[in-house]
Amino acid sequence: MVTDAHTVQREIRSEADKGRGLQADRSALDHATRLVHRVCCLAGPADFIDEVRTDNRAVRTAIKKHDTPALFDRLMAGLSYQGVSDRVASGYMDQHGRVGWHEIECALANNPSCPKLQSYWNFHGCHYHKTSRTCSEPDHIDHCPLPTHDLRNGRLNQTAYSLYLFLRDIAGNDLVRWIQGQLGSAADTCDVCQMRSALVDPLRHVYGVSDKVLSMALSVLLVAAPRTMRHWVKVGYSMIAIDTLVHNFLVRTGILRRIAVGTLITERPPHRTERAPFGHSAPTSGS
């Protein structure tokens, strides 16, 4: 995703100021601004954020109405682009369709026998594989609704059900209220990073989502929110993904090293080498 030069400049200023109290060299900042501005002018529209808000009126309406099914469908569409080019992902969805909230809701209303489908906590370790048509509960696969959706791979089938169960069991079927609660829990600190973590960290345990794609999908949802929901928009801006190629560009042009004088800079974005402990305790017996 492409952001404008002013946003990049603000982010660079913020990171530089936090660099252990060291101030960025003015000439380095001017150099970075000129270079990034030139690239942004060539690579995409300067009004990208406004376009996101204009193109997602339906998302804004769903947020106002607390329409979790519509927001689920939008998030799943975004998560379906993971691992392949946009063209391939769009082409497959156009040809084979998508899985929606109501399809999964109807499938689970039939009380399938597989124990993995009983709750979000039970779903861990499904291991469905589309090509081999195998899973961790082979005695139940013939009557399992999860494989019936013709998605691009079995990982997406698992992602869809995992996300649905998260929204049902963790968010109480109200994604908007859950997001407001998560952002509100960290809002007193006025720290965007903490608010972002309060939102992203629990969702990291939804099966098959990477940090990058999750941030991209959530950023569109948050940025499209009504402007009165200022924490949503603010956190959404901060979640616009910086692609690995962009990070490499900033490293190779010397921008990161010149801006963050005295601050250790990695040569590549960090990889997710470990997961945080499972963040949601299962309900106790009888609750």
Foldseek 3Di string as FASTA:
>chain_A
DDEALVLVLVVLQVVLCPLVNHAFDPVLSVVVSVVSNVVSVVPHDNCVLVVLQVVVLVLQVCLVVLVLQVLLVLLLLLQQCPPHHPVVSVVCCVVQNDDTLVNVVVQCVVPQPDQLLPALVSVPQQAQWQVVRDGPCVVRSVSHCLNVRPGPTSQSSQLSSNVSRCCVPVVVVRVSVVLVVQLVVCVVVVDLVSSLCSPVQLVVPRGDGDLLSSLCSQLSSLSNHPVVVVSSNVNSSVSNDDDQVNLQVCVVVCSVCSGSPPHDDDNTDDDCPDHDPNDDDDDDPPD
